[in-house]
Amino acid sequence: GVNSSVLRQSPDASIRLVAELQARIAAQDIKLTSLRGFLAESA
């Protein structure tokens, strides 16, 4: 449903920021997984 108080908060910008940060974290997790294949954790 649509909550009137939530609509007044206009969450679009902040929600997009959260979504983008989540996507960047997912990409960084993939990078860490790849680095473990040929680098030591002390590198």
PDB file of all heavy atoms in Angstrom:
ATOM      1  N   GLY A   1       0.823  -1.200   0.000  1.00  0.00           N
ATOM      2  CA  GLY A   1       0.000   0.000   0.000  1.00  0.00           C
ATOM      3  C   GLY A   1       0.853   1.244   0.000  1.00  0.00           C
ATOM      4  O   GLY A   1       2.076   1.204   0.134  1.00  0.00           O
ATOM      5  N   VAL A   2       0.198   2.381  -0.122  1.00  0.00           N
ATOM      6  CA  VAL A   2       0.881   3.671  -0.164  1.00  0.00           C
ATOM      7  C   VAL A   2       0.572   4.414   1.116  1.00  0.00           C
ATOM      8  O   VAL A   2      -0.580   4.693   1.437  1.00  0.00           O
ATOM      9  CB  VAL A   2       0.445   4.494  -1.386  1.00  0.00           C
ATOM     10  CG1 VAL A   2       1.155   5.843  -1.402  1.00  0.00           C
ATOM     11  CG2 VAL A   2       0.718   3.732  -2.667  1.00  0.00           C
ATOM     12  N   ASN A   3       1.594   4.750   1.859  1.00  0.00           N
ATOM     13  CA  ASN A   3       1.457   5.461   3.131  1.00  0.00           C
ATOM     14  C   ASN A   3       1.698   6.945   2.873  1.00  0.00           C
ATOM     15  O   ASN A   3       2.707   7.326   2.295  1.00  0.00           O
ATOM     16  CB  ASN A   3       2.476   4.923   4.135  1.00  0.00           C
ATOM     17  CG  ASN A   3       2.199   5.458   5.544  1.00  0.00           C
ATOM     18  OD1 ASN A   3       2.243   6.655   5.770  1.00  0.00           O
ATOM     19  ND2 ASN A   3       1.929   4.520   6.442  1.00  0.00           N
ATOM     20  N   SER A   4       0.749   7.771   3.318  1.00  0.00           N
ATOM     21  CA  SER A   4       0.843   9.208   3.034  1.00  0.00           C
ATOM     22  C   SER A   4       2.048   9.847   3.699  1.00  0.00           C
ATOM     23  O   SER A   4       2.693  10.732   3.133  1.00  0.00           O
ATOM     24  CB  SER A   4      -0.441   9.916   3.480  1.00  0.00           C
ATOM     25  OG  SER A   4      -0.647   9.709   4.885  1.00  0.00           O
ATOM     26  N   SER A   5       2.381   9.393   4.921  1.00  0.00           N
ATOM     27  CA  SER A   5       3.542   9.985   5.602  1.00  0.00           C
ATOM     28  C   SER A   5       4.844   9.639   4.899  1.00  0.00           C
ATOM     29  O   SER A   5       5.772  10.450   4.838  1.00  0.00           O
ATOM     30  CB  SER A   5       3.592   9.497   7.062  1.00  0.00           C
ATOM     31  OG  SER A   5       3.757   8.074   7.094  1.00  0.00           O
ATOM     32  N   VAL A   6       4.890   8.453   4.317  1.00  0.00           N
ATOM     33  CA  VAL A   6       6.095   8.047   3.582  1.00  0.00           C
ATOM     34  C   VAL A   6       6.231   8.853   2.301  1.00  0.00           C
ATOM     35  O   VAL A   6       7.328   9.259   1.902  1.00  0.00           O
ATOM     36  CB  VAL A   6       6.049   6.546   3.276  1.00  0.00           C
ATOM     37  CG1 VAL A   6       7.231   6.130   2.394  1.00  0.00           C
ATOM     38  CG2 VAL A   6       6.068   5.750   4.569  1.00  0.00           C
ATOM     39  N   LEU A   7       5.083   9.096   1.648  1.00  0.00           N
ATOM     40  CA  LEU A   7       5.145   9.884   0.430  1.00  0.00           C
ATOM     41  C   LEU A   7       5.633  11.297   0.699  1.00  0.00           C
ATOM     42  O   LEU A   7       6.307  11.904  -0.116  1.00  0.00           O
ATOM     43  CB  LEU A   7       3.753   9.926  -0.231  1.00  0.00           C
ATOM     44  CG  LEU A   7       3.249   8.606  -0.813  1.00  0.00           C
ATOM     45  CD1 LEU A   7       1.826   8.790  -1.369  1.00  0.00           C
ATOM     46  CD2 LEU A   7       4.184   8.123  -1.909  1.00  0.00           C
ATOM     47  N   ARG A   8       5.266  11.842   1.881  1.00  0.00           N
ATOM     48  CA  ARG A   8       5.735  13.184   2.206  1.00  0.00           C
ATOM     49  C   ARG A   8       7.239  13.222   2.416  1.00  0.00           C
ATOM     50  O   ARG A   8       7.894  14.247   2.249  1.00  0.00           O
ATOM     51  CB  ARG A   8       5.012  13.691   3.461  1.00  0.00           C
ATOM     52  CG  ARG A   8       3.564  14.084   3.214  1.00  0.00           C
ATOM     53  CD  ARG A   8       3.030  14.886   4.388  1.00  0.00           C
ATOM     54  NE  ARG A   8       3.058  14.125   5.633  1.00  0.00           N
ATOM     55  CZ  ARG A   8       2.036  13.356   6.043  1.00  0.00           C
ATOM     56  NH1 ARG A   8       0.944  13.261   5.295  1.00  0.00           N
ATOM     57  NH2 ARG A   8       2.104  12.704   7.180  1.00  0.00           N
ATOM     58  N   GLN A   9       7.844  12.062   2.791  1.00  0.00           N
ATOM     59  CA  GLN A   9       9.292  12.030   3.004  1.00  0.00           C
ATOM     60  C   GLN A   9      10.063  12.087   1.683  1.00  0.00           C
ATOM     61  O   GLN A   9      11.257  12.374   1.670  1.00  0.00           O
ATOM     62  CB  GLN A   9       9.698  10.737   3.729  1.00  0.00           C
ATOM     63  CG  GLN A   9       9.163  10.655   5.150  1.00  0.00           C
ATOM     64  CD  GLN A   9       9.548   9.352   5.797  1.00  0.00           C
ATOM     65  OE1 GLN A   9      10.394   8.617   5.289  1.00  0.00           O
ATOM     66  NE2 GLN A   9       8.918   9.052   6.928  1.00  0.00           N
ATOM     67  N   SER A  10       9.432  11.820   0.541  1.00  0.00           N
ATOM     68  CA  SER A  10      10.070  11.794  -0.784  1.00  0.00           C
ATOM     69  C   SER A  10      11.345  10.960  -0.737  1.00  0.00           C
ATOM     70  O   SER A  10      12.449  11.491  -0.853  1.00  0.00           O
ATOM     71  CB  SER A  10      10.383  13.222  -1.256  1.00  0.00           C
ATOM     72  OG  SER A  10      10.917  13.192  -2.554  1.00  0.00           O
ATOM     73  N   PRO A  11      11.237   9.658  -0.530  1.00  0.00           N
ATOM     74  CA  PRO A  11      12.422   8.822  -0.287  1.00  0.00           C
ATOM     75  C   PRO A  11      13.187   8.431  -1.553  1.00  0.00           C
ATOM     76  O   PRO A  11      14.154   7.701  -1.474  1.00  0.00           O
ATOM     77  CB  PRO A  11      11.815   7.568   0.347  1.00  0.00           C
ATOM     78  CG  PRO A  11      10.477   7.455  -0.334  1.00  0.00           C
ATOM     79  CD  PRO A  11       9.996   8.858  -0.547  1.00  0.00           C
ATOM     80  N   ASP A  12      12.786   8.920  -2.730  1.00  0.00           N
ATOM     81  CA  ASP A  12      13.375   8.430  -3.968  1.00  0.00           C
ATOM     82  C   ASP A  12      14.889   8.625  -4.004  1.00  0.00           C
ATOM     83  O   ASP A  12      15.638   7.691  -4.306  1.00  0.00           O
ATOM     84  CB  ASP A  12      12.731   9.141  -5.167  1.00  0.00           C
ATOM     85  CG  ASP A  12      13.206   8.562  -6.487  1.00  0.00           C
ATOM     86  OD1 ASP A  12      12.802   7.440  -6.813  1.00  0.00           O
ATOM     87  OD2 ASP A  12      13.995   9.244  -7.167  1.00  0.00           O
ATOM     88  N   ALA A  13      15.368   9.822  -3.692  1.00  0.00           N
ATOM     89  CA  ALA A  13      16.807  10.114  -3.783  1.00  0.00           C
ATOM     90  C   ALA A  13      17.607   9.269  -2.807  1.00  0.00           C
ATOM     91  O   ALA A  13      18.631   8.658  -3.152  1.00  0.00           O
ATOM     92  CB  ALA A  13      17.060  11.596  -3.546  1.00  0.00           C
ATOM     93  N   SER A  14      17.167   9.206  -1.563  1.00  0.00           N
ATOM     94  CA  SER A  14      17.911   8.445  -0.560  1.00  0.00           C
ATOM     95  C   SER A  14      17.854   6.952  -0.837  1.00  0.00           C
ATOM     96  O   SER A  14      18.841   6.226  -0.638  1.00  0.00           O
ATOM     97  CB  SER A  14      17.346   8.748   0.838  1.00  0.00           C
ATOM     98  OG  SER A  14      15.967   8.409   0.899  1.00  0.00           O
ATOM     99  N   ILE A  15      16.728   6.482  -1.337  1.00  0.00           N
ATOM    100  CA  ILE A  15      16.610   5.056  -1.646  1.00  0.00           C
ATOM    101  C   ILE A  15      17.523   4.688  -2.811  1.00  0.00           C
ATOM    102  O   ILE A  15      18.168   3.628  -2.831  1.00  0.00           O
ATOM    103  CB  ILE A  15      15.154   4.697  -1.949  1.00  0.00           C
ATOM    104  CG1 ILE A  15      14.308   4.804  -0.676  1.00  0.00           C
ATOM    105  CG2 ILE A  15      15.056   3.288  -2.515  1.00  0.00           C
ATOM    106  CD1 ILE A  15      14.750   3.872   0.427  1.00  0.00           C
ATOM    107  N   ARG A  16      17.597   5.568  -3.820  1.00  0.00           N
ATOM    108  CA  ARG A  16      18.511   5.316  -4.945  1.00  0.00           C
ATOM    109  C   ARG A  16      19.955   5.267  -4.472  1.00  0.00           C
ATOM    110  O   ARG A  16      20.753   4.456  -4.954  1.00  0.00           O
ATOM    111  CB  ARG A  16      18.340   6.384  -6.023  1.00  0.00           C
ATOM    112  CG  ARG A  16      17.104   6.213  -6.869  1.00  0.00           C
ATOM    113  CD  ARG A  16      17.072   7.207  -8.027  1.00  0.00           C
ATOM    114  NE  ARG A  16      15.904   7.004  -8.860  1.00  0.00           N
ATOM    115  CZ  ARG A  16      15.825   6.112  -9.835  1.00  0.00           C
ATOM    116  NH1 ARG A  16      16.859   5.326 -10.100  1.00  0.00           N
ATOM    117  NH2 ARG A  16      14.730   5.983 -10.555  1.00  0.00           N
ATOM    118  N   LEU A  17      20.290   6.155  -3.531  1.00  0.00           N
ATOM    119  CA  LEU A  17      21.651   6.140  -2.995  1.00  0.00           C
ATOM    120  C   LEU A  17      21.947   4.820  -2.293  1.00  0.00           C
ATOM    121  O   LEU A  17      23.016   4.229  -2.463  1.00  0.00           O
ATOM    122  CB  LEU A  17      21.845   7.311  -2.024  1.00  0.00           C
ATOM    123  CG  LEU A  17      23.195   7.365  -1.304  1.00  0.00           C
ATOM    124  CD1 LEU A  17      24.336   7.506  -2.301  1.00  0.00           C
ATOM    125  CD2 LEU A  17      23.217   8.508  -0.292  1.00  0.00           C
ATOM    126  N   VAL A  18      20.994   4.336  -1.520  1.00  0.00           N
ATOM    127  CA  VAL A  18      21.182   3.053  -0.835  1.00  0.00           C
ATOM    128  C   VAL A  18      21.343   1.925  -1.845  1.00  0.00           C
ATOM    129  O   VAL A  18      22.214   1.045  -1.701  1.00  0.00           O
ATOM    130  CB  VAL A  18      19.995   2.785   0.102  1.00  0.00           C
ATOM    131  CG1 VAL A  18      20.049   1.350   0.649  1.00  0.00           C
ATOM    132  CG2 VAL A  18      19.990   3.777   1.254  1.00  0.00           C
ATOM    133  N   ALA A  19      20.526   1.942  -2.896  1.00  0.00           N
ATOM    134  CA  ALA A  19      20.613   0.885  -3.912  1.00  0.00           C
ATOM    135  C   ALA A  19      21.968   0.917  -4.617  1.00  0.00           C
ATOM    136  O   ALA A  19      22.575  -0.134  -4.877  1.00  0.00           O
ATOM    137  CB  ALA A  19      19.481   1.050  -4.927  1.00  0.00           C
ATOM    138  N   GLU A  20      22.444   2.121  -4.937  1.00  0.00           N
ATOM    139  CA  GLU A  20      23.747   2.217  -5.598  1.00  0.00           C
ATOM    140  C   GLU A  20      24.872   1.737  -4.692  1.00  0.00           C
ATOM    141  O   GLU A  20      25.803   1.060  -5.141  1.00  0.00           O
ATOM    142  CB  GLU A  20      23.995   3.667  -6.031  1.00  0.00           C
ATOM    143  CG  GLU A  20      23.084   4.121  -7.159  1.00  0.00           C
ATOM    144  CD  GLU A  20      23.292   5.586  -7.499  1.00  0.00           C
ATOM    145  OE1 GLU A  20      24.137   6.225  -6.823  1.00  0.00           O
ATOM    146  OE2 GLU A  20      22.618   6.086  -8.423  1.00  0.00           O
ATOM    147  N   LEU A  21      24.795   2.093  -3.410  1.00  0.00           N
ATOM    148  CA  LEU A  21      25.818   1.631  -2.472  1.00  0.00           C
ATOM    149  C   LEU A  21      25.788   0.108  -2.338  1.00  0.00           C
ATOM    150  O   LEU A  21      26.837  -0.543  -2.254  1.00  0.00           O
ATOM    151  CB  LEU A  21      25.615   2.295  -1.104  1.00  0.00           C
ATOM    152  CG  LEU A  21      25.970   3.780  -1.023  1.00  0.00           C
ATOM    153  CD1 LEU A  21      25.568   4.346   0.332  1.00  0.00           C
ATOM    154  CD2 LEU A  21      27.466   3.978  -1.247  1.00  0.00           C
ATOM    155  N   GLN A  22      24.616  -0.465  -2.323  1.00  0.00           N
ATOM    156  CA  GLN A  22      24.522  -1.921  -2.239  1.00  0.00           C
ATOM    157  C   GLN A  22      25.136  -2.576  -3.484  1.00  0.00           C
ATOM    158  O   GLN A  22      25.821  -3.602  -3.372  1.00  0.00           O
ATOM    159  CB  GLN A  22      23.061  -2.340  -2.081  1.00  0.00           C
ATOM    160  CG  GLN A  22      22.471  -2.025  -0.716  1.00  0.00           C
ATOM    161  CD  GLN A  22      21.002  -2.362  -0.632  1.00  0.00           C
ATOM    162  OE1 GLN A  22      20.310  -2.418  -1.648  1.00  0.00           O
ATOM    163  NE2 GLN A  22      20.503  -2.581   0.586  1.00  0.00           N
ATOM    164  N   ALA A  23      24.911  -1.993  -4.646  1.00  0.00           N
ATOM    165  CA  ALA A  23      25.492  -2.545  -5.867  1.00  0.00           C
ATOM    166  C   ALA A  23      27.016  -2.441  -5.855  1.00  0.00           C
ATOM    167  O   ALA A  23      27.724  -3.364  -6.266  1.00  0.00           O
ATOM    168  CB  ALA A  23      24.918  -1.819  -7.086  1.00  0.00           C
ATOM    169  N   ARG A  24      27.533  -1.319  -5.373  1.00  0.00           N
ATOM    170  CA  ARG A  24      28.988  -1.150  -5.303  1.00  0.00           C
ATOM    171  C   ARG A  24      29.609  -2.113  -4.299  1.00  0.00           C
ATOM    172  O   ARG A  24      30.704  -2.642  -4.521  1.00  0.00           O
ATOM    173  CB  ARG A  24      29.324   0.295  -4.931  1.00  0.00           C
ATOM    174  CG  ARG A  24      28.985   1.300  -6.013  1.00  0.00           C
ATOM    175  CD  ARG A  24      29.240   2.717  -5.567  1.00  0.00           C
ATOM    176  NE  ARG A  24      30.654   2.929  -5.257  1.00  0.00           N
ATOM    177  CZ  ARG A  24      31.140   4.062  -4.767  1.00  0.00           C
ATOM    178  NH1 ARG A  24      30.323   5.083  -4.517  1.00  0.00           N
ATOM    179  NH2 ARG A  24      32.445   4.182  -4.534  1.00  0.00           N
ATOM    180  N   ILE A  25      28.916  -2.359  -3.209  1.00  0.00           N
ATOM    181  CA  ILE A  25      29.423  -3.328  -2.232  1.00  0.00           C
ATOM    182  C   ILE A  25      29.433  -4.733  -2.826  1.00  0.00           C
ATOM    183  O   ILE A  25      30.379  -5.509  -2.619  1.00  0.00           O
ATOM    184  CB  ILE A  25      28.570  -3.277  -0.948  1.00  0.00           C
ATOM    185  CG1 ILE A  25      28.827  -1.961  -0.198  1.00  0.00           C
ATOM    186  CG2 ILE A  25      28.879  -4.463  -0.039  1.00  0.00           C
ATOM    187  CD1 ILE A  25      27.932  -1.761   1.006  1.00  0.00           C
ATOM    188  N   ALA A  26      28.404  -5.061  -3.594  1.00  0.00           N
ATOM    189  CA  ALA A  26      28.371  -6.380  -4.245  1.00  0.00           C
ATOM    190  C   ALA A  26      29.538  -6.527  -5.218  1.00  0.00           C
ATOM    191  O   ALA A  26      30.198  -7.574  -5.280  1.00  0.00           O
ATOM    192  CB  ALA A  26      27.042  -6.572  -4.976  1.00  0.00           C
ATOM    193  N   ALA A  27      29.832  -5.450  -5.980  1.00  0.00           N
ATOM    194  CA  ALA A  27      30.976  -5.502  -6.900  1.00  0.00           C
ATOM    195  C   ALA A  27      32.290  -5.634  -6.157  1.00  0.00           C
ATOM    196  O   ALA A  27      33.204  -6.361  -6.571  1.00  0.00           O
ATOM    197  CB  ALA A  27      30.986  -4.249  -7.775  1.00  0.00           C
ATOM    198  N   GLN A  28      32.392  -4.932  -5.012  1.00  0.00           N
ATOM    199  CA  GLN A  28      33.630  -5.010  -4.234  1.00  0.00           C
ATOM    200  C   GLN A  28      33.813  -6.402  -3.630  1.00  0.00           C
ATOM    201  O   GLN A  28      34.940  -6.896  -3.496  1.00  0.00           O
ATOM    202  CB  GLN A  28      33.614  -3.946  -3.137  1.00  0.00           C
ATOM    203  CG  GLN A  28      34.975  -3.632  -2.526  1.00  0.00           C
ATOM    204  CD  GLN A  28      35.872  -2.893  -3.483  1.00  0.00           C
ATOM    205  OE1 GLN A  28      35.441  -2.493  -4.552  1.00  0.00           O
ATOM    206  NE2 GLN A  28      37.128  -2.740  -3.117  1.00  0.00           N
ATOM    207  N   ASP A  29      32.705  -7.044  -3.246  1.00  0.00           N
ATOM    208  CA  ASP A  29      32.800  -8.422  -2.742  1.00  0.00           C
ATOM    209  C   ASP A  29      33.324  -9.360  -3.832  1.00  0.00           C
ATOM    210  O   ASP A  29      34.141 -10.253  -3.561  1.00  0.00           O
ATOM    211  CB  ASP A  29      31.422  -8.900  -2.270  1.00  0.00           C
ATOM    212  CG  ASP A  29      31.067  -8.337  -0.903  1.00  0.00           C
ATOM    213  OD1 ASP A  29      32.011  -8.064  -0.123  1.00  0.00           O
ATOM    214  OD2 ASP A  29      29.871  -8.174  -0.616  1.00  0.00           O
ATOM    215  N   ILE A  30      32.870  -9.151  -5.078  1.00  0.00           N
ATOM    216  CA  ILE A  30      33.369  -9.970  -6.185  1.00  0.00           C
ATOM    217  C   ILE A  30      34.860  -9.724  -6.386  1.00  0.00           C
ATOM    218  O   ILE A  30      35.643 -10.638  -6.651  1.00  0.00           O
ATOM    219  CB  ILE A  30      32.582  -9.655  -7.470  1.00  0.00           C
ATOM    220  CG1 ILE A  30      31.106 -10.016  -7.286  1.00  0.00           C
ATOM    221  CG2 ILE A  30      33.160 -10.394  -8.665  1.00  0.00           C
ATOM    222  CD1 ILE A  30      30.234  -9.624  -8.462  1.00  0.00           C
ATOM    223  N   LYS A  31      35.270  -8.475  -6.232  1.00  0.00           N
ATOM    224  CA  LYS A  31      36.686  -8.148  -6.381  1.00  0.00           C
ATOM    225  C   LYS A  31      37.521  -8.843  -5.314  1.00  0.00           C
ATOM    226  O   LYS A  31      38.582  -9.400  -5.601  1.00  0.00           O
ATOM    227  CB  LYS A  31      36.877  -6.629  -6.298  1.00  0.00           C
ATOM    228  CG  LYS A  31      38.339  -6.193  -6.392  1.00  0.00           C
ATOM    229  CD  LYS A  31      38.466  -4.689  -6.336  1.00  0.00           C
ATOM    230  CE  LYS A  31      39.935  -4.271  -6.402  1.00  0.00           C
ATOM    231  NZ  LYS A  31      40.078  -2.796  -6.366  1.00  0.00           N
ATOM    232  N   LEU A  32      37.057  -8.821  -4.067  1.00  0.00           N
ATOM    233  CA  LEU A  32      37.794  -9.497  -3.000  1.00  0.00           C
ATOM    234  C   LEU A  32      37.889 -10.997  -3.262  1.00  0.00           C
ATOM    235  O   LEU A  32      38.935 -11.617  -3.034  1.00  0.00           O
ATOM    236  CB  LEU A  32      37.108  -9.236  -1.651  1.00  0.00           C
ATOM    237  CG  LEU A  32      37.396  -7.896  -0.977  1.00  0.00           C
ATOM    238  CD1 LEU A  32      36.530  -7.727   0.265  1.00  0.00           C
ATOM    239  CD2 LEU A  32      38.867  -7.792  -0.612  1.00  0.00           C
ATOM    240  N   THR A  33      36.813 -11.576  -3.746  1.00  0.00           N
ATOM    241  CA  THR A  33      36.842 -13.006  -4.057  1.00  0.00           C
ATOM    242  C   THR A  33      37.861 -13.313  -5.150  1.00  0.00           C
ATOM    243  O   THR A  33      38.597 -14.300  -5.096  1.00  0.00           O
ATOM    244  CB  THR A  33      35.445 -13.474  -4.499  1.00  0.00           C
ATOM    245  OG1 THR A  33      34.500 -13.182  -3.467  1.00  0.00           O
ATOM    246  CG2 THR A  33      35.447 -14.970  -4.773  1.00  0.00           C
ATOM    247  N   SER A  34      37.944 -12.439  -6.154  1.00  0.00           N
ATOM    248  CA  SER A  34      38.923 -12.640  -7.223  1.00  0.00           C
ATOM    249  C   SER A  34      40.347 -12.459  -6.725  1.00  0.00           C
ATOM    250  O   SER A  34      41.248 -13.207  -7.094  1.00  0.00           O
ATOM    251  CB  SER A  34      38.642 -11.659  -8.374  1.00  0.00           C
ATOM    252  OG  SER A  34      37.337 -11.834  -8.867  1.00  0.00           O
ATOM    253  N   LEU A  35      40.552 -11.468  -5.863  1.00  0.00           N
ATOM    254  CA  LEU A  35      41.900 -11.220  -5.347  1.00  0.00           C
ATOM    255  C   LEU A  35      42.408 -12.385  -4.509  1.00  0.00           C
ATOM    256  O   LEU A  35      43.609 -12.661  -4.479  1.00  0.00           O
ATOM    257  CB  LEU A  35      41.919  -9.936  -4.516  1.00  0.00           C
ATOM    258  CG  LEU A  35      41.800  -8.616  -5.294  1.00  0.00           C
ATOM    259  CD1 LEU A  35      41.722  -7.440  -4.325  1.00  0.00           C
ATOM    260  CD2 LEU A  35      42.988  -8.437  -6.236  1.00  0.00           C
ATOM    261  N   ARG A  36      41.518 -13.061  -3.817  1.00  0.00           N
ATOM    262  CA  ARG A  36      41.951 -14.201  -3.000  1.00  0.00           C
ATOM    263  C   ARG A  36      42.529 -15.324  -3.853  1.00  0.00           C
ATOM    264  O   ARG A  36      43.266 -16.165  -3.361  1.00  0.00           O
ATOM    265  CB  ARG A  36      40.768 -14.736  -2.185  1.00  0.00           C
ATOM    266  CG  ARG A  36      40.395 -13.881  -0.987  1.00  0.00           C
ATOM    267  CD  ARG A  36      39.404 -14.594  -0.077  1.00  0.00           C
ATOM    268  NE  ARG A  36      39.080 -13.793   1.082  1.00  0.00           N
ATOM    269  CZ  ARG A  36      38.029 -12.978   1.157  1.00  0.00           C
ATOM    270  NH1 ARG A  36      37.212 -12.867   0.120  1.00  0.00           N
ATOM    271  NH2 ARG A  36      37.797 -12.276   2.252  1.00  0.00           N
ATOM    272  N   GLY A  37      42.209 -15.320  -5.143  1.00  0.00           N
ATOM    273  CA  GLY A  37      42.725 -16.367  -6.017  1.00  0.00           C
ATOM    274  C   GLY A  37      44.205 -16.251  -6.305  1.00  0.00           C
ATOM    275  O   GLY A  37      44.863 -17.251  -6.599  1.00  0.00           O
ATOM    276  N   PHE A  38      44.768 -15.014  -6.240  1.00  0.00           N
ATOM    277  CA  PHE A  38      46.180 -14.872  -6.584  1.00  0.00           C
ATOM    278  C   PHE A  38      46.937 -13.924  -5.665  1.00  0.00           C
ATOM    279  O   PHE A  38      48.101 -13.632  -5.913  1.00  0.00           O
ATOM    280  CB  PHE A  38      46.329 -14.375  -8.035  1.00  0.00           C
ATOM    281  CG  PHE A  38      45.624 -13.089  -8.329  1.00  0.00           C
ATOM    282  CD1 PHE A  38      46.265 -11.878  -8.187  1.00  0.00           C
ATOM    283  CD2 PHE A  38      44.313 -13.103  -8.749  1.00  0.00           C
ATOM    284  CE1 PHE A  38      45.617 -10.697  -8.466  1.00  0.00           C
ATOM    285  CE2 PHE A  38      43.652 -11.919  -9.041  1.00  0.00           C
ATOM    286  CZ  PHE A  38      44.302 -10.720  -8.898  1.00  0.00           C
ATOM    287  N   LEU A  39      46.315 -13.445  -4.588  1.00  0.00           N
ATOM    288  CA  LEU A  39      46.993 -12.570  -3.639  1.00  0.00           C
ATOM    289  C   LEU A  39      46.762 -13.058  -2.218  1.00  0.00           C
ATOM    290  O   LEU A  39      45.701 -13.598  -1.893  1.00  0.00           O
ATOM    291  CB  LEU A  39      46.491 -11.123  -3.761  1.00  0.00           C
ATOM    292  CG  LEU A  39      46.916 -10.307  -4.988  1.00  0.00           C
ATOM    293  CD1 LEU A  39      46.318  -8.914  -4.904  1.00  0.00           C
ATOM    294  CD2 LEU A  39      48.427 -10.219  -5.097  1.00  0.00           C
ATOM    295  N   ALA A  40      47.761 -12.865  -1.377  1.00  0.00           N
ATOM    296  CA  ALA A  40      47.606 -13.164   0.045  1.00  0.00           C
ATOM    297  C   ALA A  40      46.844 -12.025   0.716  1.00  0.00           C
ATOM    298  O   ALA A  40      46.818 -10.891   0.226  1.00  0.00           O
ATOM    299  CB  ALA A  40      48.973 -13.352   0.701  1.00  0.00           C
ATOM    300  N   GLU A  41      46.229 -12.328   1.854  1.00  0.00           N
ATOM    301  CA  GLU A  41      45.447 -11.304   2.532  1.00  0.00           C
ATOM    302  C   GLU A  41      46.317 -10.193   3.089  1.00  0.00           C
ATOM    303  O   GLU A  41      45.816  -9.119   3.431  1.00  0.00           O
ATOM    304  CB  GLU A  41      44.631 -11.947   3.658  1.00  0.00           C
ATOM    305  CG  GLU A  41      43.566 -12.918   3.156  1.00  0.00           C
ATOM    306  CD  GLU A  41      42.658 -13.389   4.263  1.00  0.00           C
ATOM    307  OE1 GLU A  41      42.843 -12.932   5.413  1.00  0.00           O
ATOM    308  OE2 GLU A  41      41.745 -14.194   3.986  1.00  0.00           O
ATOM    309  N   SER A  42      47.628 -10.429   3.184  1.00  0.00           N
ATOM    310  CA  SER A  42      48.542  -9.391   3.658  1.00  0.00           C
ATOM    311  C   SER A  42      49.026  -8.478   2.538  1.00  0.00           C
ATOM    312  O   SER A  42      49.747  -7.514   2.798  1.00  0.00           O
ATOM    313  CB  SER A  42      49.752 -10.037   4.343  1.00  0.00           C
ATOM    314  OG  SER A  42      50.431 -10.905   3.441  1.00  0.00           O
ATOM    315  N   ALA A  43      48.655  -8.768   1.291  1.00  0.00           N
ATOM    316  CA  ALA A  43      49.105  -7.960   0.160  1.00  0.00           C
ATOM    317  C   ALA A  43      48.477  -6.569   0.223  1.00  0.00           C
ATOM    318  O   ALA A  43      47.342  -6.405   0.668  1.00  0.00           O
ATOM    319  CB  ALA A  43      48.746  -8.643  -1.153  1.00  0.00           C
TER     320      ALA A  43
END
